[in-house]
């Protein structure tokens, strides 16, 4: 089975199943975020210990991705997606109850491995479905990932606000994810994108370059997640409980951008979408960091979300076109390198902020998107 053969023309119910994989992956990630302060309190963790614990999630994901890429080729997207989903459903209740650092670290690493495996499988499956349809679909798939994260985090927040325990709140999400996975799992693509007998190939220069660009994109996302509220609190004296709304604005704008991304890519092309997105991110950082009135700096965060929304989906499609290495492994490579941006980005920004100030550090992060703008046409030509 090669990527050129792709998948048989799917029915509407199969298309729904493919989309649900992205939605459930986003729901799983969104369910973990509200559990973080509870895990910290149960285990009595200091700031440095919490940072080390959170690192376990990224390490688990990164270690699992190459294996997931190989398993997707040999066992198929369905096998990897269901296996990753089972790991997630088993680990979330543990993350809501364990109170030791070691237990939480292991559970979080396994949770990250499950989520990383699904990330690889769902993107390989999305690539095959997109090629089969002959039109852009990947941005819409990733829009459902964003929507799933927003939905589960909101649901968890409401349940916790209503007095539910962390275990009860996360169990509701687990039941939804597990029941939906059992219902739609049999309709997922049973094979991978490449010939299972194909030999392993080293990542080509193009794949590595796209991986670095994904690193930059996810570094930006991590910067907004970890530093936006801190910056607004320091620079604009906005209360931390309100400053966190900047990330909500960013997330909603990213979801909206992804749901419109397939139309925009078909209308204007991948190159123009990457160039326009990079310019929007740089403009957004300038507005968010340099302007004082709150409507303008919030608009800046929205522009960052819009500009960044289609970067990773487009790069997944672009890397699927190269022939130097199997598409499943190529997606695993760029996803793994990209995750390094989330892992290392917050720490790198912290070091830069110490040296040149947080305002200048964030401006430098925005300027990194110039690489996306300048490389877009070269990647298309190659």
Protein backbone atom coordinates (compact mmCIF):
# COMPACT_ATOMS: atom_id res chain seq x y z
CA UNK A 1 0.00 0.00 0.00
CA UNK A 2 1.56 3.30 -1.06
CA UNK A 3 0.53 6.82 -0.44
CA UNK A 4 -0.38 7.17 -4.09
CA UNK A 5 -3.03 4.50 -3.61
CA UNK A 6 -4.35 6.37 -0.55
CA UNK A 7 -7.75 5.32 0.78
CA UNK A 8 -10.97 4.26 -0.83
CA UNK A 9 -13.52 7.03 -1.28
CA UNK A 10 -15.03 7.28 2.22
CA UNK A 11 -18.68 7.60 3.12
CA UNK A 12 -19.97 10.45 5.27
CA UNK A 13 -19.81 8.23 8.35
CA UNK A 14 -16.15 7.45 7.63
CA UNK A 15 -15.37 11.15 7.20
CA UNK A 16 -17.03 11.79 10.55
CA UNK A 17 -14.82 9.11 12.11
CA UNK A 18 -11.65 10.65 10.69
CA UNK A 19 -12.66 14.05 12.08
CA UNK A 20 -13.56 12.58 15.47
CA UNK A 21 -9.97 11.37 15.90
CA UNK A 22 -8.76 14.98 15.85
CA UNK A 23 -11.60 16.09 18.15
CA UNK A 24 -10.85 13.37 20.71
CA UNK A 25 -7.13 14.10 20.66
CA UNK A 26 -7.86 17.74 21.44
CA UNK A 27 -10.29 16.72 24.19
CA UNK A 28 -7.65 14.54 25.83
CA UNK A 29 -5.11 17.37 25.88
CA UNK A 30 -7.69 19.88 27.11
CA UNK A 31 -8.66 17.58 29.98
CA UNK A 32 -5.11 17.59 31.39
CA UNK A 33 -4.72 21.38 31.65
CA UNK A 34 -7.29 21.89 34.48
CA UNK A 35 -5.71 19.00 36.43
CA UNK A 36 -2.29 20.66 36.67
CA UNK A 37 -2.94 22.85 39.76
CA UNK A 38 -4.61 19.93 41.56
CA UNK A 39 -1.66 17.63 40.82
CA UNK A 40 0.72 20.30 42.07
CA UNK A 41 -1.22 20.71 45.31
CA UNK A 42 -1.56 16.95 45.98
CA UNK A 43 2.14 16.32 45.43
CA UNK A 44 3.28 19.52 47.17
CA UNK A 45 5.46 20.55 44.23
CA UNK A 46 7.59 23.68 44.01
CA UNK A 47 7.87 25.65 40.75
CA UNK A 48 11.00 23.82 39.58
CA UNK A 49 9.53 20.41 40.39
CA UNK A 50 6.34 21.24 38.50
CA UNK A 51 8.38 22.30 35.49
CA UNK A 52 10.27 19.02 35.59
CA UNK A 53 7.01 17.10 35.88
CA UNK A 54 5.50 18.88 32.88
CA UNK A 55 8.63 18.03 30.93
CA UNK A 56 7.69 14.35 31.24
CA UNK A 57 4.66 14.88 29.01
CA UNK A 58 6.75 16.20 26.15
CA UNK A 59 9.44 13.57 26.59
CA UNK A 60 6.86 10.77 26.49
CA UNK A 61 5.37 12.21 23.31
CA UNK A 62 8.71 12.67 21.59
CA UNK A 63 9.93 9.16 22.42
CA UNK A 64 6.69 7.60 21.18
CA UNK A 65 6.44 9.48 17.89
CA UNK A 66 9.15 7.64 15.92
CA UNK A 67 7.71 4.31 17.06
CA UNK A 68 4.21 5.50 16.18
CA UNK A 69 5.40 6.47 12.70
CA UNK A 70 6.85 2.99 12.13
CA UNK A 71 3.77 1.27 13.60
CA UNK A 72 1.47 3.37 11.43
CA UNK A 73 3.30 2.09 8.36
CA UNK A 74 3.31 -1.55 9.50
CA UNK A 75 0.09 -1.86 11.54
CA UNK A 76 -2.03 0.97 10.21
CA UNK A 77 -3.60 4.19 11.48
CA UNK A 78 -6.47 2.36 13.19
CA UNK A 79 -4.14 0.23 15.32
CA UNK A 80 -2.05 3.20 16.49
CA UNK A 81 -5.04 5.49 17.10
CA UNK A 82 -6.91 2.96 19.21
CA UNK A 83 -3.78 1.98 21.13
CA UNK A 84 -2.97 5.62 21.87
CA UNK A 85 -6.57 6.28 22.90
CA UNK A 86 -6.51 3.40 25.37
CA UNK A 87 -3.32 4.72 26.96
CA UNK A 88 -4.92 8.15 27.34
CA UNK A 89 -8.10 6.77 28.92
CA UNK A 90 -6.10 4.72 31.40
CA UNK A 91 -3.75 7.54 32.42
CA UNK A 92 -6.16 10.47 32.89
CA UNK A 93 -7.81 9.02 36.06
CA UNK A 94 -4.33 8.36 37.48
CA UNK A 95 -3.30 11.94 36.78
CA UNK A 96 -6.36 13.05 38.75
CA UNK A 97 -5.54 10.93 41.82
CA UNK A 98 -1.80 10.19 42.16
CA UNK A 99 0.02 12.24 44.77
CA UNK A 100 3.67 11.21 44.38
CA UNK A 101 6.06 12.93 42.01
CA UNK A 102 7.33 9.62 40.60
CA UNK A 103 3.86 8.23 39.97
CA UNK A 104 2.69 11.44 38.29
CA UNK A 105 5.86 11.58 36.17
CA UNK A 106 5.37 8.04 34.84
CA UNK A 107 1.64 8.52 34.25
CA UNK A 108 2.23 11.83 32.46
CA UNK A 109 4.95 10.31 30.26
CA UNK A 110 2.65 7.44 29.25
CA UNK A 111 -0.19 9.92 28.68
CA UNK A 112 2.14 11.95 26.45
CA UNK A 113 3.13 8.79 24.57
CA UNK A 114 -0.53 7.98 23.91
CA UNK A 115 -1.31 11.48 22.72
CA UNK A 116 1.85 11.67 20.60
CA UNK A 117 0.97 8.35 18.95
CA UNK A 118 -2.51 9.57 18.06
CA UNK A 119 -1.03 12.82 16.71
CA UNK A 120 1.12 10.90 14.25
CA UNK A 121 -1.61 8.44 13.21
CA UNK A 122 -4.32 11.07 12.75
CA UNK A 123 -2.06 13.28 10.61
CA UNK A 124 -1.03 10.34 8.41
CA UNK A 125 -4.69 9.38 8.05
CA UNK A 126 -5.65 13.00 7.36
CA UNK A 127 -2.97 13.21 4.69
CA UNK A 128 -4.33 10.11 2.91
CA UNK A 129 -7.92 11.35 3.08
CA UNK A 130 -6.87 14.77 1.79
CA UNK A 131 -5.02 13.24 -1.15
CA UNK A 132 -7.97 10.99 -1.91
CA UNK A 133 -10.32 13.97 -2.08
CA UNK A 134 -7.91 16.07 -4.12
CA UNK A 135 -8.59 19.19 -2.06
CA UNK A 136 -7.33 20.72 1.19
CA UNK A 137 -8.83 19.16 4.33
CA UNK A 138 -6.02 19.20 6.89
CA UNK A 139 -6.74 22.63 8.38
CA UNK A 140 -10.34 21.68 9.11
CA UNK A 141 -9.17 18.48 10.78
CA UNK A 142 -6.86 20.50 13.04
CA UNK A 143 -9.68 22.95 13.71
CA UNK A 144 -11.54 20.08 15.37
CA UNK A 145 -8.44 19.39 17.49
CA UNK A 146 -8.57 23.00 18.71
CA UNK A 147 -12.33 22.76 19.27
CA UNK A 148 -11.89 19.54 21.28
CA UNK A 149 -9.35 21.20 23.56
CA UNK A 150 -11.59 24.19 24.18
CA UNK A 151 -14.65 21.96 24.78
CA UNK A 152 -13.04 19.57 27.27
CA UNK A 153 -11.23 22.33 29.19
CA UNK A 154 -14.53 24.23 29.46
CA UNK A 155 -16.42 21.10 30.52
CA UNK A 156 -13.80 20.28 33.14
CA UNK A 157 -13.86 23.85 34.39
CA UNK A 158 -17.64 23.83 34.76
CA UNK A 159 -17.63 20.48 36.59
CA UNK A 160 -14.87 21.58 38.96
CA UNK A 161 -16.59 24.92 39.55
CA UNK A 162 -19.78 23.00 40.37
CA UNK A 163 -18.00 21.05 43.10
CA UNK A 164 -17.01 17.85 41.30
CA UNK A 165 -13.76 16.20 42.32
CA UNK A 166 -10.92 16.11 39.77
CA UNK A 167 -11.46 12.35 39.38
CA UNK A 168 -15.18 12.72 38.69
CA UNK A 169 -14.63 15.61 36.28
CA UNK A 170 -11.97 13.82 34.26
CA UNK A 171 -13.96 10.58 34.32
CA UNK A 172 -16.74 12.32 32.41
CA UNK A 173 -14.25 13.24 29.67
CA UNK A 174 -12.76 9.72 29.69
CA UNK A 175 -16.20 8.15 29.23
CA UNK A 176 -16.91 10.46 26.28
CA UNK A 177 -13.53 9.77 24.67
CA UNK A 178 -13.66 5.99 25.25
CA UNK A 179 -17.26 5.58 24.07
CA UNK A 180 -16.65 7.65 20.94
CA UNK A 181 -13.42 5.81 20.21
CA UNK A 182 -15.16 2.42 20.47
CA UNK A 183 -17.96 3.63 18.21
CA UNK A 184 -15.85 5.08 15.41
CA UNK A 185 -12.59 3.10 15.76
CA UNK A 186 -13.55 0.34 13.35
CA UNK A 187 -14.09 2.91 10.59
CA UNK A 188 -10.58 4.36 10.75
CA UNK A 189 -8.09 3.66 7.97
CA UNK A 190 -6.71 0.15 8.62
CA UNK A 191 -3.41 0.71 6.82
CA UNK A 192 -0.66 3.30 6.75
CA UNK A 193 0.42 5.67 4.01
CA UNK A 194 3.42 3.66 2.84
CA UNK A 195 4.51 0.19 1.84
CA UNK A 196 5.18 -1.79 5.07
CA UNK A 197 8.16 -3.42 3.37
CA UNK A 198 9.79 -0.10 2.47
CA UNK A 199 13.24 0.31 4.05
CA UNK A 200 13.89 3.00 6.61
CA UNK A 201 15.11 6.25 5.07
CA UNK A 202 16.99 9.09 6.66
CA UNK A 203 15.12 12.39 6.87
CA UNK A 204 15.80 14.50 3.81
CA UNK A 205 16.94 18.11 4.01
CA UNK A 206 13.42 19.27 3.12
CA UNK A 207 11.86 17.24 5.95
CA UNK A 208 14.39 18.59 8.44
CA UNK A 209 13.81 22.18 7.30
CA UNK A 210 10.05 21.75 7.69
CA UNK A 211 10.71 20.22 11.12
CA UNK A 212 12.64 23.35 12.16
CA UNK A 213 9.79 25.55 10.89
CA UNK A 214 7.34 23.46 12.94
CA UNK A 215 9.67 23.96 15.92
CA UNK A 216 9.34 27.72 15.48
CA UNK A 217 5.55 27.55 15.12
CA UNK A 218 5.10 25.48 18.28
CA UNK A 219 7.64 27.62 20.14
CA UNK A 220 5.37 30.59 19.38
CA UNK A 221 2.35 28.65 20.63
CA UNK A 222 4.21 27.74 23.81
CA UNK A 223 5.24 31.36 24.28
CA UNK A 224 1.61 32.50 24.23
CA UNK A 225 0.58 29.68 26.57
CA UNK A 226 3.29 30.25 29.17
CA UNK A 227 4.24 33.92 28.92
CA UNK A 228 1.28 35.99 27.67
CA UNK A 229 -0.42 36.30 31.08
CA UNK A 230 2.90 37.03 32.80
CA UNK A 231 3.71 39.75 30.26
CA UNK A 232 0.31 41.42 30.54
CA UNK A 233 0.55 41.34 34.32
CA UNK A 234 4.01 42.92 34.34
CA UNK A 235 3.68 45.34 31.43
CA UNK A 236 0.06 46.42 31.83
CA UNK A 237 -0.60 45.58 35.52
CA UNK A 238 -3.51 43.34 34.52
CA UNK A 239 -4.66 40.86 37.15
CA UNK A 240 -3.47 37.33 36.41
CA UNK A 241 -7.02 35.96 36.55
CA UNK A 242 -7.94 38.26 33.65
CA UNK A 243 -4.61 38.21 31.82
CA UNK A 244 -5.12 34.50 31.14
CA UNK A 245 -7.89 35.54 28.77
CA UNK A 246 -5.21 36.43 26.21
CA UNK A 247 -4.61 32.73 25.63
CA UNK A 248 -8.36 32.16 25.27
CA UNK A 249 -8.49 34.86 22.57
CA UNK A 250 -5.50 33.26 20.87
CA UNK A 251 -7.07 29.77 21.00
CA UNK A 252 -10.45 30.87 19.65
CA UNK A 253 -8.78 32.78 16.82
CA UNK A 254 -6.65 29.75 15.99
CA UNK A 255 -9.72 27.50 15.85
CA UNK A 256 -11.52 29.98 13.59
CA UNK A 257 -8.46 30.23 11.33
CA UNK A 258 -8.24 26.47 10.98
CA UNK A 259 -11.89 26.05 10.06
CA UNK A 260 -11.42 28.60 7.27
CA UNK A 261 -7.94 27.38 6.32
CA UNK A 262 -8.95 24.75 3.76
CA UNK A 263 -10.97 27.30 1.77
CA UNK A 264 -8.16 29.85 1.97
CA UNK A 265 -5.57 27.31 0.89
CA UNK A 266 -7.69 26.25 -2.08
CA UNK A 267 -8.39 29.87 -2.99
CA UNK A 268 -4.92 31.38 -2.53
CA UNK A 269 -2.53 28.40 -2.38
CA UNK A 270 -0.30 27.00 0.35
CA UNK A 271 2.55 29.44 -0.37
CA UNK A 272 0.41 32.55 0.07
CA UNK A 273 -1.22 31.05 3.15
CA UNK A 274 2.20 30.50 4.77
CA UNK A 275 3.45 33.96 3.80
CA UNK A 276 0.27 35.71 4.94
CA UNK A 277 0.18 33.71 8.16
CA UNK A 278 3.77 34.56 9.03
CA UNK A 279 3.17 38.27 8.40
CA UNK A 280 0.04 38.18 10.57
CA UNK A 281 1.97 36.58 13.44
CA UNK A 282 4.69 39.24 13.29
CA UNK A 283 2.12 42.03 13.16
CA UNK A 284 0.23 40.41 16.03
CA UNK A 285 3.32 40.26 18.24
CA UNK A 286 4.06 43.93 17.53
CA UNK A 287 0.51 44.89 18.54
CA UNK A 288 0.36 42.60 21.58
CA UNK A 289 3.73 43.72 22.96
CA UNK A 290 4.02 47.37 21.97
CA UNK A 291 0.48 48.77 22.15
CA UNK A 292 -1.17 49.87 25.38
CA UNK A 293 -4.99 49.98 24.94
CA UNK A 294 -6.41 46.57 25.83
CA UNK A 295 -8.58 46.16 22.67
CA UNK A 296 -5.48 46.57 20.52
CA UNK A 297 -3.18 44.17 22.37
CA UNK A 298 -5.97 41.59 22.55
CA UNK A 299 -6.43 42.01 18.80
CA UNK A 300 -2.71 41.30 18.54
CA UNK A 301 -3.14 37.95 20.28
CA UNK A 302 -6.04 37.16 17.96
CA UNK A 303 -3.87 37.92 14.91
CA UNK A 304 -1.15 35.61 16.25
CA UNK A 305 -3.72 32.81 16.56
CA UNK A 306 -5.08 33.43 13.06
CA UNK A 307 -1.63 33.63 11.50
CA UNK A 308 -0.35 30.51 13.22
CA UNK A 309 -3.52 28.45 12.76
CA UNK A 310 -2.69 26.83 9.44
CA UNK A 311 1.09 26.53 9.67
CA UNK A 312 1.31 22.98 11.00
CA UNK A 313 -1.60 21.57 8.91
CA UNK A 314 -0.04 22.97 5.72
CA UNK A 315 3.40 21.61 6.60
CA UNK A 316 1.87 18.15 7.18
CA UNK A 317 0.46 18.26 3.65
CA UNK A 318 3.71 19.58 2.18
CA UNK A 319 5.84 16.90 3.84
CA UNK A 320 3.47 14.25 2.49
CA UNK A 321 4.40 15.28 -1.05
CA UNK A 322 8.10 14.52 -0.71
CA UNK A 323 9.37 11.12 -1.84
CA UNK A 324 12.69 10.87 0.00
CA UNK A 325 11.22 9.02 2.98
CA UNK A 326 7.92 7.37 3.92
CA UNK A 327 5.20 9.92 4.65
CA UNK A 328 4.35 8.35 8.01
CA UNK A 329 7.92 8.63 9.23
CA UNK A 330 8.25 12.13 7.78
CA UNK A 331 5.21 13.30 9.74
CA UNK A 332 6.65 11.66 12.86
CA UNK A 333 9.92 13.57 12.30
CA UNK A 334 8.37 17.02 11.87
CA UNK A 335 5.95 16.42 14.76
CA UNK A 336 8.78 15.31 17.05
CA UNK A 337 10.97 18.29 16.15
CA UNK A 338 7.96 20.57 16.55
CA UNK A 339 7.26 19.25 20.05
CA UNK A 340 10.79 20.33 21.00
CA UNK A 341 9.54 23.89 20.48
CA UNK A 342 6.91 23.41 23.16
CA UNK A 343 9.41 21.67 25.44
CA UNK A 344 12.35 24.03 25.09
CA UNK A 345 10.58 27.22 24.06
CA UNK A 346 9.36 28.46 27.45
CA UNK A 347 12.79 27.92 29.02
CA UNK A 348 14.59 29.63 26.09
CA UNK A 349 12.23 32.59 26.35
CA UNK A 350 12.91 32.75 30.09
CA UNK A 351 16.67 32.91 29.51
CA UNK A 352 16.20 35.55 26.79
CA UNK A 353 13.89 37.57 29.04
CA UNK A 354 16.53 37.54 31.77
CA UNK A 355 19.12 38.87 29.31
CA UNK A 356 17.13 41.42 27.26
CA UNK A 357 13.77 41.76 29.01
CA UNK A 358 10.50 39.94 28.41
CA UNK A 359 9.18 42.54 25.96
CA UNK A 360 12.21 42.20 23.67
CA UNK A 361 12.26 38.41 24.05
CA UNK A 362 8.66 38.17 22.83
CA UNK A 363 9.40 40.49 19.91
CA UNK A 364 12.28 38.20 18.95
CA UNK A 365 9.92 35.21 19.06
CA UNK A 366 7.57 36.97 16.66
CA UNK A 367 10.47 37.82 14.35
CA UNK A 368 11.28 34.11 13.99
CA UNK A 369 8.24 33.79 11.70
CA UNK A 370 10.26 35.64 9.08
CA UNK A 371 11.80 32.21 8.37
CA UNK A 372 8.34 30.90 7.42
CA UNK A 373 7.73 33.86 5.11
CA UNK A 374 11.11 33.61 3.36
CA UNK A 375 11.09 29.82 2.96
CA UNK A 376 7.53 29.36 1.66
CA UNK A 377 8.27 29.73 -2.06
CA UNK A 378 11.50 27.70 -1.88
CA UNK A 379 9.66 24.79 -0.25
CA UNK A 380 6.98 24.93 -2.91
CA UNK A 381 9.58 24.88 -5.70
CA UNK A 382 11.40 21.90 -4.18
